Amino acid sequence: MKKQTDNLFSDSIVYSLDTAKQTEYDNLLVESVLLLQISGEMTFETSSDRITTKPGNVYLVKKHQFVKTTKTPKNNEYYKALMFILKEDTLREYALEKQLETTARYNGKSNILMPESAYLKGFFDSLIPYTQNAKDIDHPLSVLKVKEAIELLLLLKPDLRYFLFDFSEPHKIDLEKFMQANFKFNVPVENFARLTGRSLAGFKRDFDKTFGMPPRHWLQNRRLTEAHFQIEKDHKRPSTIYLELGFESLSHFSYAFKKQFGYSPKEVRGGV
């Protein structure tokens, strides 16, 4: 069957339809997301969680996270999901209209499974005609639908106001702890800098002080060291770990591995 890609119905609403398993590139979430899994499964991994969504699950996912995503069709059905991007300008407009406090920094869970709700189900059902007919949702309607989503989230969990209306930028955090938790994500160095609350120049300067080498060099060494451990101690196959450890191809991984250790990944496994 022919693979289909994501359909963007506005700058905030995405309908995802795939007919084959797809492991996506790692991403940096710059906006929070409300996701409904319609069919199939999506596994997404952040530095704090590894979650597999099931049909009917609704997740609220916080911005300022690295996310590694795998989409998988199940039971001979298409993979389908509907995603709302909760853009900061819309959230700010809503907070201004409602005169809500927006100065508090949120410190709770970053990935929240929403409770089952007839309200949320009805809300997502109202968008199905657009996905079935491949029609765009124009800007005014898309903003209204996002605001409706905000209203429903606050109705179900009033404390989500701290999640939704945290407009603070990432603060300067412990560099070593952050990098050890996030080295697997294959994203530009600029994104690492952003989430540690540093400029690119400041990040590179602090990185050299902390690790004694440039970021790209350290990242490759750390990923290869982890790969060696998983192959030798956990008996994992190179073909099953190279993507999750931030390498874009198996050939590149094998070349870098042999260059660093002097022998191939297969030799660690005894030629298996």
Protein backbone atom coordinates (compact mmCIF):
# COMPACT_ATOMS: atom_id res chain seq x y z
CA MET A 1 0.00 0.00 0.00
CA LYS A 2 1.10 3.49 -0.68
CA LYS A 3 2.39 5.42 2.31
CA GLN A 4 0.66 8.69 3.06
CA THR A 5 2.09 11.62 4.95
CA ASP A 6 0.79 14.07 7.54
CA ASN A 7 -1.97 16.46 6.46
CA LEU A 8 -1.78 19.96 7.87
CA PHE A 9 -5.27 21.43 8.21
CA SER A 10 -4.08 24.70 9.72
CA ASP A 11 -0.93 25.96 11.36
CA SER A 12 -2.10 24.23 14.57
CA ILE A 13 -3.93 21.03 13.54
CA VAL A 14 -2.26 17.95 12.02
CA TYR A 15 -3.91 14.70 10.88
CA SER A 16 -1.39 11.88 10.57
CA LEU A 17 -2.08 8.88 8.34
CA ASP A 18 0.52 6.20 7.57
CA THR A 19 0.24 2.72 6.13
CA ALA A 20 3.69 1.44 7.13
CA LYS A 21 5.87 1.57 10.20
CA GLN A 22 7.81 4.79 10.30
CA THR A 23 10.56 5.85 12.67
CA GLU A 24 10.76 9.60 12.48
CA TYR A 25 13.72 11.83 13.05
CA ASP A 26 14.12 13.12 16.57
CA ASN A 27 12.45 16.45 17.17
CA LEU A 28 12.56 19.34 19.58
CA LEU A 29 9.06 20.31 20.67
CA VAL A 30 8.91 24.09 20.73
CA GLU A 31 5.14 24.11 21.42
CA SER A 32 2.99 21.90 23.63
CA VAL A 33 0.84 19.30 21.87
CA LEU A 34 -2.55 17.65 22.47
CA LEU A 35 -2.66 14.26 20.74
CA LEU A 36 -5.49 11.79 20.05
CA GLN A 37 -4.46 8.29 18.95
CA ILE A 38 -7.16 7.04 16.56
CA SER A 39 -5.73 3.70 15.41
CA GLY A 40 -2.36 1.98 15.58
CA GLU A 41 0.24 2.91 18.16
CA MET A 42 2.75 5.67 18.63
CA THR A 43 5.75 5.22 20.89
CA PHE A 44 7.39 8.45 21.92
CA GLU A 45 10.46 8.75 24.09
CA THR A 46 11.66 11.80 25.98
CA SER A 47 14.45 12.12 28.52
CA SER A 48 11.95 11.29 31.30
CA ASP A 49 9.39 8.94 29.72
CA ARG A 50 8.84 6.20 27.18
CA ILE A 51 5.14 6.03 26.33
CA THR A 52 3.12 3.92 23.90
CA THR A 53 -0.24 5.42 23.00
CA LYS A 54 -3.25 3.18 22.33
CA PRO A 55 -6.37 3.94 20.28
CA GLY A 56 -8.53 6.40 22.20
CA ASN A 57 -5.65 7.73 24.31
CA VAL A 58 -5.37 11.50 24.60
CA TYR A 59 -1.98 12.85 25.71
CA LEU A 60 -0.89 16.35 26.60
CA VAL A 61 2.83 16.73 25.84
CA LYS A 62 4.88 19.65 27.17
CA LYS A 63 7.03 21.90 25.03
CA HIS A 64 10.82 22.20 25.47
CA GLN A 65 11.47 18.45 25.17
CA PHE A 66 13.35 16.23 22.76
CA VAL A 67 11.02 13.54 21.38
CA LYS A 68 11.85 10.34 19.48
CA THR A 69 8.75 8.94 17.75
CA THR A 70 7.79 5.61 16.15
CA LYS A 71 4.42 5.12 14.43
CA THR A 72 3.10 1.58 14.02
CA PRO A 73 -0.12 0.36 12.33
CA LYS A 74 -1.91 -2.48 14.13
CA ASN A 75 -4.54 -5.12 13.31
CA ASN A 76 -4.38 -4.43 9.55
CA GLU A 77 -5.56 -0.85 10.13
CA TYR A 78 -4.02 2.42 9.06
CA TYR A 79 -2.02 4.35 11.60
CA LYS A 80 -4.09 7.45 12.40
CA ALA A 81 -3.62 10.28 14.88
CA LEU A 82 -4.90 13.81 15.31
CA MET A 83 -2.65 16.43 16.87
CA PHE A 84 -3.25 19.94 18.12
CA ILE A 85 -0.25 22.24 18.37
CA LEU A 86 -0.97 24.56 21.29
CA LYS A 87 0.83 27.60 19.94
CA GLU A 88 2.10 30.10 22.44
CA ASP A 89 0.51 33.10 20.71
CA THR A 90 -2.95 31.48 20.96
CA LEU A 91 -2.35 30.54 24.60
CA ARG A 92 -1.21 34.07 25.39
CA GLU A 93 -4.28 35.51 23.66
CA TYR A 94 -6.53 33.20 25.68
CA ALA A 95 -4.79 34.08 28.96
CA LEU A 96 -5.14 37.78 28.20
CA GLU A 97 -8.85 37.43 27.42
CA LYS A 98 -9.44 35.51 30.67
CA GLN A 99 -7.01 37.66 32.72
CA LEU A 100 -5.10 34.60 33.89
CA GLU A 101 -1.83 34.59 35.84
CA THR A 102 1.06 33.58 33.55
CA THR A 103 4.19 34.14 35.65
CA ALA A 104 4.44 30.77 37.43
CA ARG A 105 6.91 28.13 36.19
CA TYR A 106 5.41 24.66 35.77
CA ASN A 107 7.29 21.85 37.54
CA GLY A 108 4.93 18.87 37.14
CA LYS A 109 4.78 15.93 34.72
CA SER A 110 5.71 16.72 31.14
CA ASN A 111 3.60 14.01 29.49
CA ILE A 112 0.05 13.58 30.79
CA LEU A 113 -2.50 10.91 29.88
CA MET A 114 -5.88 12.63 29.98
CA PRO A 115 -8.80 10.81 31.63
CA GLU A 116 -11.53 9.43 29.40
CA SER A 117 -14.05 12.15 28.69
CA ALA A 118 -17.19 12.41 26.56
CA TYR A 119 -16.36 16.09 26.14
CA LEU A 120 -12.93 15.41 24.63
CA LYS A 121 -14.32 12.60 22.48
CA GLY A 122 -17.02 14.89 21.11
CA PHE A 123 -14.47 17.59 20.46
CA PHE A 124 -12.19 15.33 18.40
CA ASP A 125 -15.19 13.78 16.62
CA SER A 126 -16.13 17.27 15.40
CA LEU A 127 -12.89 17.35 13.37
CA ILE A 128 -13.30 14.00 11.63
CA PRO A 129 -15.31 15.44 8.68
CA TYR A 130 -12.34 17.69 7.82
CA THR A 131 -9.91 14.75 7.80
CA GLN A 132 -12.24 12.55 5.71
CA ASN A 133 -12.85 15.23 3.10
CA ALA A 134 -9.28 16.58 3.09
CA LYS A 135 -10.50 20.14 3.60
CA ASP A 136 -8.47 22.87 5.17
CA ILE A 137 -9.60 24.52 8.37
CA ASP A 138 -9.12 28.22 7.82
CA HIS A 139 -7.26 30.33 10.38
CA PRO A 140 -10.20 31.81 12.35
CA LEU A 141 -11.80 28.38 12.77
CA SER A 142 -8.50 26.73 13.74
CA VAL A 143 -7.93 29.31 16.48
CA LEU A 144 -11.46 28.73 17.79
CA LYS A 145 -10.89 24.96 17.86
CA VAL A 146 -7.61 25.36 19.75
CA LYS A 147 -9.34 27.64 22.28
CA GLU A 148 -12.10 25.06 22.61
CA ALA A 149 -9.44 22.46 23.39
CA ILE A 150 -8.00 24.74 26.08
CA GLU A 151 -11.44 25.20 27.65
CA LEU A 152 -12.01 21.45 27.78
CA LEU A 153 -8.59 20.73 29.28
CA LEU A 154 -9.17 23.29 32.04
CA LEU A 155 -12.67 21.90 32.65
CA LEU A 156 -11.26 18.40 33.15
CA LYS A 157 -8.14 19.41 35.10
CA PRO A 158 -8.12 23.03 36.35
CA ASP A 159 -4.50 22.69 37.52
CA LEU A 160 -3.43 22.38 33.87
CA ARG A 161 -3.43 26.18 33.79
CA TYR A 162 0.11 25.98 35.19
CA PHE A 163 1.08 23.59 32.37
CA LEU A 164 -0.59 25.56 29.58
CA PHE A 165 0.32 29.10 30.60
CA ASP A 166 3.96 28.64 31.55
CA PHE A 167 5.64 31.02 29.09
CA SER A 168 9.06 30.94 30.73
CA GLU A 169 12.13 30.09 28.68
CA PRO A 170 14.37 27.17 29.71
CA HIS A 171 16.58 28.30 32.56
CA LYS A 172 20.31 27.62 32.75
CA ILE A 173 20.61 24.07 34.02
CA ASP A 174 23.31 21.58 34.95
CA LEU A 175 25.01 20.79 31.64
CA GLU A 176 26.50 17.40 32.51
CA LYS A 177 23.27 16.02 33.97
CA PHE A 178 21.26 17.26 30.98
CA MET A 179 23.61 15.82 28.36
CA GLN A 180 23.81 12.42 30.05
CA ALA A 181 19.99 12.27 29.97
CA ASN A 182 19.60 13.48 26.37
CA PHE A 183 22.66 12.32 24.37
CA LYS A 184 20.58 9.80 22.34
CA PHE A 185 18.55 12.47 20.55
CA ASN A 186 19.80 13.22 17.05
CA VAL A 187 19.13 16.95 16.93
CA PRO A 188 21.29 20.00 16.06
CA VAL A 189 23.67 21.26 18.73
CA GLU A 190 21.70 24.52 18.70
CA ASN A 191 18.73 22.65 20.19
CA PHE A 192 20.83 21.29 23.05
CA ALA A 193 21.98 24.84 23.73
CA ARG A 194 18.43 26.16 23.76
CA LEU A 195 17.14 23.63 26.28
CA THR A 196 20.05 24.25 28.64
CA GLY A 197 19.21 27.96 28.67
CA ARG A 198 22.36 29.05 26.85
CA SER A 199 23.34 30.78 23.65
CA LEU A 200 25.20 28.56 21.18
CA ALA A 201 28.49 30.26 22.02
CA GLY A 202 27.84 29.97 25.76
CA PHE A 203 26.88 26.32 25.38
CA LYS A 204 30.08 25.46 23.51
CA ARG A 205 32.18 27.35 26.04
CA ASP A 206 30.55 25.67 29.06
CA PHE A 207 30.64 22.30 27.29
CA ASP A 208 34.40 22.48 26.77
CA LYS A 209 34.86 23.37 30.46
CA THR A 210 32.66 20.46 31.55
CA PHE A 211 33.72 17.70 29.13
CA GLY A 212 37.03 18.89 27.73
CA MET A 213 35.97 18.47 24.09
CA PRO A 214 33.50 19.92 21.55
CA PRO A 215 29.82 18.81 21.74
CA ARG A 216 29.79 16.81 18.49
CA HIS A 217 32.89 14.85 19.48
CA TRP A 218 31.50 14.06 22.93
CA LEU A 219 28.08 13.08 21.55
CA GLN A 220 29.56 10.55 19.14
CA ASN A 221 31.86 9.08 21.80
CA ARG A 222 29.01 8.82 24.32
CA ARG A 223 26.65 7.20 21.82
CA LEU A 224 29.29 4.67 20.73
CA THR A 225 30.16 3.83 24.33
CA GLU A 226 26.48 3.18 25.04
CA ALA A 227 26.20 1.11 21.87
CA HIS A 228 29.19 -1.03 22.91
CA PHE A 229 27.61 -1.64 26.32
CA GLN A 230 24.24 -2.62 24.85
CA ILE A 231 25.80 -4.98 22.30
CA GLU A 232 28.21 -6.61 24.77
CA LYS A 233 26.18 -6.69 27.99
CA ASP A 234 22.58 -6.63 26.78
CA HIS A 235 23.28 -8.72 23.64
CA LYS A 236 21.42 -6.30 21.38
CA ARG A 237 21.85 -6.28 17.63
CA PRO A 238 23.38 -3.17 16.01
CA SER A 239 20.42 -2.98 13.61
CA THR A 240 18.01 -2.55 16.54
CA ILE A 241 19.88 0.20 18.40
CA TYR A 242 21.61 2.51 15.93
CA LEU A 243 18.55 4.75 15.36
CA GLU A 244 17.62 5.04 19.02
CA LEU A 245 21.22 6.04 19.80
CA GLY A 246 21.19 8.94 17.35
CA PHE A 247 22.79 7.48 14.22
CA GLU A 248 21.08 8.09 10.88
CA SER A 249 22.21 4.89 9.14
CA LEU A 250 23.56 1.47 10.08
CA SER A 251 26.53 1.91 7.75
CA HIS A 252 27.54 5.19 9.41
CA PHE A 253 27.16 3.61 12.85
CA SER A 254 29.30 0.58 11.90
CA TYR A 255 32.01 2.79 10.37
CA ALA A 256 32.16 5.09 13.41
CA PHE A 257 32.13 2.11 15.80
CA LYS A 258 35.06 0.39 14.11
CA LYS A 259 37.00 3.65 13.87
CA GLN A 260 36.60 4.25 17.62
CA PHE A 261 37.15 0.74 18.97
CA GLY A 262 39.24 -0.91 16.25
CA TYR A 263 36.76 -3.72 15.63
CA SER A 264 33.24 -3.97 14.22
CA PRO A 265 29.96 -4.30 16.17
CA LYS A 266 29.64 -7.85 14.82
CA GLU A 267 32.95 -8.80 16.40
CA VAL A 268 31.61 -7.72 19.81
CA ARG A 269 28.76 -10.20 19.28
CA GLY A 270 31.17 -12.91 18.24
CA GLY A 271 30.35 -12.57 14.57
CA VAL A 272 26.61 -13.07 15.10
